[in-house]
Amino acid sequence: MKKHTYTHALLGALLVSTLTACGDDGGTTDGSTGNVTTTMPATTTNPTTTDPTTSTDPTTSTDPTADPTTTTDPTADPTTTTDPTVDPTDSTTGDNGFVFPDDPIDAYKQIDRHGAVEAGTAGIAAAGGLGFSPGQADMIKIRDAYNASNPEEDVAEMWLGEIAKSIMFFHAALDDDLMMLGLTPATFAETVAQAGPVIIPDTIKYDPKLPTAYPNGRKLEDPVVDITLAAVLLNLKVHPLDFFVKLPLNPPKNDVAFLAEWPYLAPPHPPL
C-alpha cells in the first residue's frame, strides 16, 4: 500500500512537472413641417392681406432654408439623443465599457495559436520544456514557427514529425509509472488515434448534435489538461477519458467564481 501511495504521488508529481514544463432614439420630424411656405386657407386671418410665406403658428419655423429634419416640438426632451446613426452599444457612450480595435488584419503579426490544449507546447518539442536557456534556442524557434503557422499546414502534416516525437517522449517518461499504478498505457498508434483528431488540426472542434464538453467545444470549467493527458497516455478502451479528472491532482473547481455574464472569466487576483 505504501508503494502504491508512493507511485501515485510520483505520477502526480511527474504529471504536474510535465505540465509545468509544457505549460470574447432620435426623434423624427414629420416631413410636412418642412414645407413652411404653405399656409392652409382655414388658418389665415385675412387671405387677401396675409403673407402666404408666413405660418400663423408662431412656434413654426418660417425660414424656407431651415433644415426640415430639425425637431421643432418645443416639448421634446433636449437631453434625448436625436442622431439615429449613433450605435447604442458604442463604448464611447459608456453603455458597455469595452473598446475593441478595428485595425486592419495586416496590422497584426500572428505569434500564437491555441485551439487544442497545449498543442503548441506539449505537442511541439515537449522534451525541451518551457525554459529559455541558450541551449534551447532551437526548441524556441520550432515553437515560434508552429505558432506562426495555421491549421491548413497542420492538415498537410507539416508538424506530424514534431508531434510524434513529443508523444514518444511522454510515453518514455511516464509509461512505467502508469503500469506501476495498475494502469494501461496507450501504444503510440492508440495515442495517435485517440488524441490525433483533437490536436490535428490545432482548432476547437464542435458538433452541435453532441453534448458540449471538451473536446467537443469547451466550457470554462472543463479540466482540459487532464482530459488531454488521458487521451495521450491511457488506453481509453480500458480507462475512461475523465480518469485523471477524478484523481485529486487538481482543485475541484476554480478558486474564483466565474461571472454570470460577459466576459464570464473570473476577475484576476488582486496584486500582493
C-alpha atoms as a PDB file:
ATOM      1  CA  MET A   1       0.000   0.000   0.000  1.00  0.00           C
ATOM      2  CA  LYS A   2       2.858   2.341   0.803  1.00  0.00           C
ATOM      3  CA  LYS A   3       4.421   1.573  -2.557  1.00  0.00           C
ATOM      4  CA  HIS A   4       1.109   2.282  -4.317  1.00  0.00           C
ATOM      5  CA  THR A   5       0.754   5.558  -2.463  1.00  0.00           C
ATOM      6  CA  TYR A   6       4.309   6.487  -3.318  1.00  0.00           C
ATOM      7  CA  THR A   7       3.912   5.736  -7.010  1.00  0.00           C
ATOM      8  CA  HIS A   8       0.601   7.562  -7.120  1.00  0.00           C
ATOM      9  CA  ALA A   9       2.285  10.602  -5.621  1.00  0.00           C
ATOM     10  CA  LEU A  10       5.186  10.165  -8.031  1.00  0.00           C
ATOM     11  CA  LEU A  11       2.827  10.064 -11.014  1.00  0.00           C
ATOM     12  CA  GLY A  12       1.117  13.182  -9.735  1.00  0.00           C
ATOM     13  CA  ALA A  13       4.457  14.933  -9.397  1.00  0.00           C
ATOM     14  CA  LEU A  14       5.515  13.808 -12.863  1.00  0.00           C
ATOM     15  CA  LEU A  15       2.265  14.972 -14.419  1.00  0.00           C
ATOM     16  CA  VAL A  16       2.449  18.320 -12.674  1.00  0.00           C
ATOM     17  CA  SER A  17       6.103  18.806 -13.586  1.00  0.00           C
ATOM     18  CA  THR A  18       5.388  17.764 -17.157  1.00  0.00           C
ATOM     19  CA  LEU A  19       2.548  20.246 -17.440  1.00  0.00           C
ATOM     20  CA  THR A  20       4.715  22.923 -15.859  1.00  0.00           C
ATOM     21  CA  ALA A  21       7.323  22.190 -18.437  1.00  0.00           C
ATOM     22  CA  CYS A  22       4.829  22.199 -21.237  1.00  0.00           C
ATOM     23  CA  GLY A  23       2.886  24.736 -19.999  1.00  0.00           C
ATOM     24  CA  ASP A  24     -14.930  37.381 -26.403  1.00  0.00           C
ATOM     25  CA  ASP A  25     -33.602  57.316 -30.268  1.00  0.00           C
ATOM     26  CA  GLY A  26     -33.502  60.103 -32.164  1.00  0.00           C
ATOM     27  CA  GLY A  27     -36.909  61.610 -32.762  1.00  0.00           C
ATOM     28  CA  THR A  28     -38.033  62.043 -36.368  1.00  0.00           C
ATOM     29  CA  THR A  29     -39.901  65.032 -37.652  1.00  0.00           C
ATOM     30  CA  ASP A  30     -42.958  64.789 -39.843  1.00  0.00           C
ATOM     31  CA  GLY A  31     -41.799  65.804 -43.297  1.00  0.00           C
ATOM     32  CA  SER A  32     -44.837  68.066 -43.680  1.00  0.00           C
ATOM     33  CA  THR A  33     -43.389  70.525 -41.170  1.00  0.00           C
ATOM     34  CA  GLY A  34     -40.540  71.106 -43.535  1.00  0.00           C
ATOM     35  CA  ASN A  35     -42.901  72.737 -46.013  1.00  0.00           C
ATOM     36  CA  VAL A  36     -43.125  76.045 -44.158  1.00  0.00           C
ATOM     37  CA  THR A  37     -44.168  78.160 -47.142  1.00  0.00           C
ATOM     38  CA  THR A  38     -47.663  76.679 -47.407  1.00  0.00           C
ATOM     39  CA  THR A  39     -50.483  78.287 -45.431  1.00  0.00           C
ATOM     40  CA  MET A  40     -53.753  76.465 -45.170  1.00  0.00           C
ATOM     41  CA  PRO A  41     -56.670  78.827 -46.020  1.00  0.00           C
ATOM     42  CA  ALA A  42     -58.549  77.846 -42.888  1.00  0.00           C
ATOM     43  CA  THR A  43     -55.734  79.152 -40.667  1.00  0.00           C
ATOM     44  CA  THR A  44     -55.217  82.577 -42.276  1.00  0.00           C
ATOM     45  CA  THR A  45     -56.964  85.606 -40.753  1.00  0.00           C
ATOM     46  CA  ASN A  46     -57.153  87.590 -43.930  1.00  0.00           C
ATOM     47  CA  PRO A  47     -56.434  85.719 -47.152  1.00  0.00           C
ATOM     48  CA  THR A  48     -56.135  88.995 -49.051  1.00  0.00           C
ATOM     49  CA  THR A  49     -53.503  90.559 -46.775  1.00  0.00           C
ATOM     50  CA  THR A  50     -51.648  87.691 -45.130  1.00  0.00           C
ATOM     51  CA  ASP A  51     -48.196  86.884 -46.483  1.00  0.00           C
ATOM     52  CA  PRO A  52     -48.571  83.307 -47.813  1.00  0.00           C
ATOM     53  CA  THR A  53     -44.993  82.561 -46.793  1.00  0.00           C
ATOM     54  CA  THR A  54     -45.765  83.221 -43.160  1.00  0.00           C
ATOM     55  CA  SER A  55     -47.065  80.476 -40.872  1.00  0.00           C
ATOM     56  CA  THR A  56     -49.758  81.500 -38.418  1.00  0.00           C
ATOM     57  CA  ASP A  57     -48.234  79.166 -35.794  1.00  0.00           C
ATOM     58  CA  PRO A  58     -45.606  81.254 -34.032  1.00  0.00           C
ATOM     59  CA  THR A  59     -43.795  78.092 -32.914  1.00  0.00           C
ATOM     60  CA  THR A  60     -43.241  77.011 -36.516  1.00  0.00           C
ATOM     61  CA  SER A  61     -40.048  77.982 -38.318  1.00  0.00           C
ATOM     62  CA  THR A  62     -40.798  80.222 -41.319  1.00  0.00           C
ATOM     63  CA  ASP A  63     -37.294  80.227 -42.754  1.00  0.00           C
ATOM     64  CA  PRO A  64     -37.547  78.415 -46.116  1.00  0.00           C
ATOM     65  CA  THR A  65     -33.884  77.471 -45.736  1.00  0.00           C
ATOM     66  CA  ALA A  66     -34.462  75.736 -42.395  1.00  0.00           C
ATOM     67  CA  ASP A  67     -33.353  72.094 -42.112  1.00  0.00           C
ATOM     68  CA  PRO A  68     -36.604  70.110 -42.375  1.00  0.00           C
ATOM     69  CA  THR A  69     -35.054  67.320 -40.254  1.00  0.00           C
ATOM     70  CA  THR A  70     -34.756  69.608 -37.241  1.00  0.00           C
ATOM     71  CA  THR A  71     -37.078  68.768 -34.368  1.00  0.00           C
ATOM     72  CA  THR A  72     -39.426  71.680 -33.770  1.00  0.00           C
ATOM     73  CA  ASP A  73     -41.521  70.176 -30.996  1.00  0.00           C
ATOM     74  CA  PRO A  74     -40.986  72.524 -28.006  1.00  0.00           C
ATOM     75  CA  THR A  75     -41.991  69.720 -25.649  1.00  0.00           C
ATOM     76  CA  ALA A  76     -39.127  67.461 -26.789  1.00  0.00           C
ATOM     77  CA  ASP A  77     -36.575  66.478 -24.156  1.00  0.00           C
ATOM     78  CA  PRO A  78     -33.391  68.367 -25.136  1.00  0.00           C
ATOM     79  CA  THR A  79     -31.302  65.665 -23.391  1.00  0.00           C
ATOM     80  CA  THR A  80     -32.574  62.920 -25.695  1.00  0.00           C
ATOM     81  CA  THR A  81     -30.172  61.723 -28.366  1.00  0.00           C
ATOM     82  CA  THR A  82     -31.705  62.522 -31.743  1.00  0.00           C
ATOM     83  CA  ASP A  83     -28.968  61.141 -34.002  1.00  0.00           C
ATOM     84  CA  PRO A  84     -30.326  57.841 -35.383  1.00  0.00           C
ATOM     85  CA  THR A  85     -26.818  56.931 -36.620  1.00  0.00           C
ATOM     86  CA  VAL A  86     -25.450  56.561 -33.091  1.00  0.00           C
ATOM     87  CA  ASP A  87     -24.814  52.933 -32.132  1.00  0.00           C
ATOM     88  CA  PRO A  88     -26.448  52.471 -28.703  1.00  0.00           C
ATOM     89  CA  THR A  89     -23.814  49.826 -27.878  1.00  0.00           C
ATOM     90  CA  ASP A  90     -20.909  52.098 -28.785  1.00  0.00           C
ATOM     91  CA  SER A  91     -18.390  52.025 -25.959  1.00  0.00           C
ATOM     92  CA  THR A  92     -17.998  55.798 -26.195  1.00  0.00           C
ATOM     93  CA  THR A  93     -21.488  56.167 -24.748  1.00  0.00           C
ATOM     94  CA  GLY A  94     -20.411  54.286 -21.643  1.00  0.00           C
ATOM     95  CA  ASP A  95     -23.016  51.571 -22.165  1.00  0.00           C
ATOM     96  CA  ASN A  96     -20.731  48.532 -22.039  1.00  0.00           C
ATOM     97  CA  GLY A  97     -17.272  49.735 -21.084  1.00  0.00           C
ATOM     98  CA  PHE A  98     -15.467  47.732 -23.801  1.00  0.00           C
ATOM     99  CA  VAL A  99     -13.419  49.265 -26.596  1.00  0.00           C
ATOM    100  CA  PHE A 100     -12.439  46.952 -29.446  1.00  0.00           C
ATOM    101  CA  PRO A 101      -9.781  47.900 -32.014  1.00  0.00           C
ATOM    102  CA  ASP A 102     -10.770  47.992 -35.665  1.00  0.00           C
ATOM    103  CA  ASP A 103      -7.284  47.880 -37.175  1.00  0.00           C
ATOM    104  CA  PRO A 104      -6.945  46.004 -40.496  1.00  0.00           C
ATOM    105  CA  ILE A 105      -5.724  42.421 -40.267  1.00  0.00           C
ATOM    106  CA  ASP A 106      -2.375  43.250 -41.863  1.00  0.00           C
ATOM    107  CA  ALA A 107      -1.593  45.466 -38.867  1.00  0.00           C
ATOM    108  CA  TYR A 108      -1.119  42.309 -36.768  1.00  0.00           C
ATOM    109  CA  LYS A 109       1.507  39.570 -36.674  1.00  0.00           C
ATOM    110  CA  GLN A 110       0.495  36.082 -35.555  1.00  0.00           C
ATOM    111  CA  ILE A 111       2.684  34.972 -32.658  1.00  0.00           C
ATOM    112  CA  ASP A 112       0.497  32.322 -31.023  1.00  0.00           C
ATOM    113  CA  ARG A 113      -2.421  29.978 -31.558  1.00  0.00           C
ATOM    114  CA  HIS A 114      -4.129  27.804 -29.011  1.00  0.00           C
ATOM    115  CA  GLY A 115      -7.097  25.857 -30.295  1.00  0.00           C
ATOM    116  CA  ALA A 116      -6.168  22.414 -28.956  1.00  0.00           C
ATOM    117  CA  VAL A 117      -4.936  22.358 -25.368  1.00  0.00           C
ATOM    118  CA  GLU A 118      -1.132  22.577 -25.109  1.00  0.00           C
ATOM    119  CA  ALA A 119      -0.707  21.557 -28.749  1.00  0.00           C
ATOM    120  CA  GLY A 120       1.993  24.175 -29.250  1.00  0.00           C
ATOM    121  CA  THR A 121       3.912  23.307 -26.077  1.00  0.00           C
ATOM    122  CA  ALA A 122       3.328  19.709 -25.014  1.00  0.00           C
ATOM    123  CA  GLY A 123       2.784  18.718 -28.652  1.00  0.00           C
ATOM    124  CA  ILE A 124       5.798  20.526 -30.085  1.00  0.00           C
ATOM    125  CA  ALA A 125       9.319  19.961 -28.691  1.00  0.00           C
ATOM    126  CA  ALA A 126       7.932  18.604 -25.428  1.00  0.00           C
ATOM    127  CA  ALA A 127      11.350  17.377 -24.287  1.00  0.00           C
ATOM    128  CA  GLY A 128      12.577  20.973 -24.206  1.00  0.00           C
ATOM    129  CA  GLY A 129      10.115  22.107 -21.531  1.00  0.00           C
ATOM    130  CA  LEU A 130       9.407  25.821 -21.319  1.00  0.00           C
ATOM    131  CA  GLY A 131      12.861  27.024 -20.381  1.00  0.00           C
ATOM    132  CA  PHE A 132      14.631  29.773 -22.276  1.00  0.00           C
ATOM    133  CA  SER A 133      18.271  28.878 -21.754  1.00  0.00           C
ATOM    134  CA  PRO A 134      20.665  29.396 -24.706  1.00  0.00           C
ATOM    135  CA  GLY A 135      20.819  25.641 -25.232  1.00  0.00           C
ATOM    136  CA  GLN A 136      17.104  25.584 -26.050  1.00  0.00           C
ATOM    137  CA  ALA A 137      17.198  28.181 -28.798  1.00  0.00           C
ATOM    138  CA  ASP A 138      16.342  25.613 -31.487  1.00  0.00           C
ATOM    139  CA  MET A 139      13.330  24.431 -29.495  1.00  0.00           C
ATOM    140  CA  ILE A 140      12.073  28.004 -29.175  1.00  0.00           C
ATOM    141  CA  LYS A 141      12.473  28.551 -32.929  1.00  0.00           C
ATOM    142  CA  ILE A 142      10.438  25.419 -33.651  1.00  0.00           C
ATOM    143  CA  ARG A 143       7.601  26.591 -31.403  1.00  0.00           C
ATOM    144  CA  ASP A 144       7.694  30.097 -32.833  1.00  0.00           C
ATOM    145  CA  ALA A 145       7.370  28.623 -36.324  1.00  0.00           C
ATOM    146  CA  TYR A 146       4.466  26.442 -35.188  1.00  0.00           C
ATOM    147  CA  ASN A 147       2.650  29.373 -33.582  1.00  0.00           C
ATOM    148  CA  ALA A 148       3.060  31.421 -36.761  1.00  0.00           C
ATOM    149  CA  SER A 149       1.580  28.657 -38.921  1.00  0.00           C
ATOM    150  CA  ASN A 150      -2.074  27.770 -39.425  1.00  0.00           C
ATOM    151  CA  PRO A 151      -4.446  24.772 -39.423  1.00  0.00           C
ATOM    152  CA  GLU A 152      -4.041  24.263 -43.179  1.00  0.00           C
ATOM    153  CA  GLU A 153      -0.409  23.365 -42.563  1.00  0.00           C
ATOM    154  CA  ASP A 154      -1.481  21.023 -39.750  1.00  0.00           C
ATOM    155  CA  VAL A 155      -3.730  19.136 -42.180  1.00  0.00           C
ATOM    156  CA  ALA A 156      -0.811  18.954 -44.627  1.00  0.00           C
ATOM    157  CA  GLU A 157       1.087  17.086 -41.858  1.00  0.00           C
ATOM    158  CA  MET A 158       3.777  19.763 -41.617  1.00  0.00           C
ATOM    159  CA  TRP A 159       4.117  19.212 -37.846  1.00  0.00           C
ATOM    160  CA  LEU A 160       3.405  15.487 -37.674  1.00  0.00           C
ATOM    161  CA  GLY A 161       7.061  14.595 -37.043  1.00  0.00           C
ATOM    162  CA  GLU A 162       7.415  17.002 -34.119  1.00  0.00           C
ATOM    163  CA  ILE A 163       4.133  15.849 -32.578  1.00  0.00           C
ATOM    164  CA  ALA A 164       5.218  12.205 -32.908  1.00  0.00           C
ATOM    165  CA  LYS A 165       8.487  12.921 -31.077  1.00  0.00           C
ATOM    166  CA  SER A 166       6.593  14.618 -28.247  1.00  0.00           C
ATOM    167  CA  ILE A 167       4.201  11.663 -27.902  1.00  0.00           C
ATOM    168  CA  MET A 168       7.124   9.248 -27.650  1.00  0.00           C
ATOM    169  CA  PHE A 169       8.791  11.493 -25.067  1.00  0.00           C
ATOM    170  CA  PHE A 170       5.734  11.385 -22.794  1.00  0.00           C
ATOM    171  CA  HIS A 171       5.338   7.626 -23.043  1.00  0.00           C
ATOM    172  CA  ALA A 172       9.041   7.025 -22.389  1.00  0.00           C
ATOM    173  CA  ALA A 173       8.866   9.219 -19.292  1.00  0.00           C
ATOM    174  CA  LEU A 174       5.571   8.008 -17.813  1.00  0.00           C
ATOM    175  CA  ASP A 175       4.566   4.555 -19.052  1.00  0.00           C
ATOM    176  CA  ASP A 176       6.464   2.676 -16.321  1.00  0.00           C
ATOM    177  CA  ASP A 177       4.805   4.814 -13.647  1.00  0.00           C
ATOM    178  CA  LEU A 178       1.389   4.216 -15.173  1.00  0.00           C
ATOM    179  CA  MET A 179       1.943   0.465 -15.151  1.00  0.00           C
ATOM    180  CA  MET A 180       3.165   0.549 -11.524  1.00  0.00           C
ATOM    181  CA  LEU A 181      -0.232   2.008 -10.672  1.00  0.00           C
ATOM    182  CA  GLY A 182      -2.012  -0.784 -12.483  1.00  0.00           C
ATOM    183  CA  LEU A 183      -2.965   1.438 -15.433  1.00  0.00           C
ATOM    184  CA  THR A 184      -2.775   0.503 -19.111  1.00  0.00           C
ATOM    185  CA  PRO A 185      -0.754   2.958 -21.200  1.00  0.00           C
ATOM    186  CA  ALA A 186      -1.773   3.597 -24.781  1.00  0.00           C
ATOM    187  CA  THR A 187       0.503   2.459 -27.543  1.00  0.00           C
ATOM    188  CA  PHE A 188       1.846   5.040 -29.971  1.00  0.00           C
ATOM    189  CA  ALA A 189      -0.786   4.066 -32.536  1.00  0.00           C
ATOM    190  CA  GLU A 190      -3.557   4.268 -29.939  1.00  0.00           C
ATOM    191  CA  THR A 191      -2.427   7.728 -28.843  1.00  0.00           C
ATOM    192  CA  VAL A 192      -2.454   8.944 -32.445  1.00  0.00           C
ATOM    193  CA  ALA A 193      -5.969   7.534 -32.931  1.00  0.00           C
ATOM    194  CA  GLN A 194      -7.274   8.995 -29.642  1.00  0.00           C
ATOM    195  CA  ALA A 195      -5.595  12.412 -29.494  1.00  0.00           C
ATOM    196  CA  GLY A 196      -4.747  12.992 -33.139  1.00  0.00           C
ATOM    197  CA  PRO A 197      -8.205  14.255 -34.212  1.00  0.00           C
ATOM    198  CA  VAL A 198      -8.113  16.796 -31.361  1.00  0.00           C
ATOM    199  CA  ILE A 199      -4.581  18.068 -31.973  1.00  0.00           C
ATOM    200  CA  ILE A 200      -4.501  17.908 -35.792  1.00  0.00           C
ATOM    201  CA  PRO A 201      -5.569  20.419 -36.897  1.00  0.00           C
ATOM    202  CA  ASP A 202      -4.993  22.703 -33.925  1.00  0.00           C
ATOM    203  CA  THR A 203      -8.551  24.027 -33.707  1.00  0.00           C
ATOM    204  CA  ILE A 204     -11.555  23.765 -31.407  1.00  0.00           C
ATOM    205  CA  LYS A 205     -13.976  21.217 -32.842  1.00  0.00           C
ATOM    206  CA  TYR A 206     -17.691  21.383 -32.143  1.00  0.00           C
ATOM    207  CA  ASP A 207     -20.604  19.198 -33.199  1.00  0.00           C
ATOM    208  CA  PRO A 208     -23.903  20.764 -32.040  1.00  0.00           C
ATOM    209  CA  LYS A 209     -25.560  17.342 -32.095  1.00  0.00           C
ATOM    210  CA  LEU A 210     -23.288  16.188 -29.244  1.00  0.00           C
ATOM    211  CA  PRO A 211     -23.072  17.417 -25.634  1.00  0.00           C
ATOM    212  CA  THR A 212     -20.882  20.472 -25.195  1.00  0.00           C
ATOM    213  CA  ALA A 213     -17.834  19.335 -23.246  1.00  0.00           C
ATOM    214  CA  TYR A 214     -14.172  19.212 -24.195  1.00  0.00           C
ATOM    215  CA  PRO A 215     -13.051  18.044 -26.731  1.00  0.00           C
ATOM    216  CA  ASN A 216     -16.442  18.805 -28.318  1.00  0.00           C
ATOM    217  CA  GLY A 217     -16.279  22.536 -27.799  1.00  0.00           C
ATOM    218  CA  ARG A 218     -15.096  23.743 -24.429  1.00  0.00           C
ATOM    219  CA  LYS A 219     -16.723  25.037 -21.259  1.00  0.00           C
ATOM    220  CA  LEU A 220     -14.780  27.322 -18.937  1.00  0.00           C
ATOM    221  CA  GLU A 221     -14.822  24.771 -16.132  1.00  0.00           C
ATOM    222  CA  ASP A 222     -13.683  21.826 -18.285  1.00  0.00           C
ATOM    223  CA  PRO A 223     -10.461  20.222 -16.893  1.00  0.00           C
ATOM    224  CA  VAL A 224      -8.988  20.211 -20.374  1.00  0.00           C
ATOM    225  CA  VAL A 225      -5.404  19.292 -19.443  1.00  0.00           C
ATOM    226  CA  ASP A 226      -6.450  16.197 -17.503  1.00  0.00           C
ATOM    227  CA  ILE A 227      -8.669  15.120 -20.397  1.00  0.00           C
ATOM    228  CA  THR A 228      -5.869  15.645 -22.927  1.00  0.00           C
ATOM    229  CA  LEU A 229      -3.391  13.712 -20.769  1.00  0.00           C
ATOM    230  CA  ALA A 230      -5.757  10.743 -20.647  1.00  0.00           C
ATOM    231  CA  ALA A 231      -6.140  10.772 -24.427  1.00  0.00           C
ATOM    232  CA  VAL A 232      -2.356  10.877 -24.861  1.00  0.00           C
ATOM    233  CA  LEU A 233      -1.266   8.462 -22.118  1.00  0.00           C
ATOM    234  CA  LEU A 234      -4.040   5.938 -21.390  1.00  0.00           C
ATOM    235  CA  ASN A 235      -5.702   3.188 -23.366  1.00  0.00           C
ATOM    236  CA  LEU A 236      -9.234   4.580 -23.499  1.00  0.00           C
ATOM    237  CA  LYS A 237     -10.685   1.132 -24.145  1.00  0.00           C
ATOM    238  CA  VAL A 238      -9.630   0.289 -20.576  1.00  0.00           C
ATOM    239  CA  HIS A 239      -9.872   3.655 -18.800  1.00  0.00           C
ATOM    240  CA  PRO A 240     -12.447   6.463 -19.214  1.00  0.00           C
ATOM    241  CA  LEU A 241     -11.469   9.781 -20.746  1.00  0.00           C
ATOM    242  CA  ASP A 242     -12.105  11.531 -17.414  1.00  0.00           C
ATOM    243  CA  PHE A 243      -9.868   9.135 -15.412  1.00  0.00           C
ATOM    244  CA  PHE A 244      -7.339  11.824 -14.424  1.00  0.00           C
ATOM    245  CA  VAL A 245     -10.146  14.309 -13.774  1.00  0.00           C
ATOM    246  CA  LYS A 246     -11.366  12.141 -10.880  1.00  0.00           C
ATOM    247  CA  LEU A 247      -7.928  11.941  -9.254  1.00  0.00           C
ATOM    248  CA  PRO A 248      -7.042  14.565  -6.620  1.00  0.00           C
ATOM    249  CA  LEU A 249      -4.340  16.160  -8.756  1.00  0.00           C
ATOM    250  CA  ASN A 250      -6.107  19.486  -9.269  1.00  0.00           C
ATOM    251  CA  PRO A 251      -8.547  21.640  -7.287  1.00  0.00           C
ATOM    252  CA  PRO A 252     -12.156  20.551  -7.857  1.00  0.00           C
ATOM    253  CA  LYS A 253     -13.175  23.972  -9.158  1.00  0.00           C
ATOM    254  CA  ASN A 254     -11.867  27.416  -9.986  1.00  0.00           C
ATOM    255  CA  ASP A 255     -10.693  29.293  -6.903  1.00  0.00           C
ATOM    256  CA  VAL A 256     -12.582  32.410  -8.058  1.00  0.00           C
ATOM    257  CA  ALA A 257     -16.154  32.046  -9.305  1.00  0.00           C
ATOM    258  CA  PHE A 258     -16.806  32.713 -12.975  1.00  0.00           C
ATOM    259  CA  LEU A 259     -19.021  35.659 -13.899  1.00  0.00           C
ATOM    260  CA  ALA A 260     -22.640  35.045 -14.903  1.00  0.00           C
ATOM    261  CA  GLU A 261     -22.387  37.381 -17.924  1.00  0.00           C
ATOM    262  CA  TRP A 262     -19.839  38.669 -20.417  1.00  0.00           C
ATOM    263  CA  PRO A 263     -16.857  38.352 -20.263  1.00  0.00           C
ATOM    264  CA  TYR A 264     -17.619  35.311 -17.996  1.00  0.00           C
ATOM    265  CA  LEU A 265     -13.986  34.806 -16.949  1.00  0.00           C
ATOM    266  CA  ALA A 266     -13.235  35.304 -13.282  1.00  0.00           C
ATOM    267  CA  PRO A 267     -11.608  38.615 -12.332  1.00  0.00           C
ATOM    268  CA  PRO A 268      -7.859  38.471 -11.702  1.00  0.00           C
ATOM    269  CA  HIS A 269      -6.445  38.112  -8.219  1.00  0.00           C
ATOM    270  CA  PRO A 270      -5.534  41.448  -6.656  1.00  0.00           C
ATOM    271  CA  PRO A 271      -1.789  42.207  -6.572  1.00  0.00           C
ATOM    272  CA  LEU A 272       0.017  41.139  -3.434  1.00  0.00           C
END
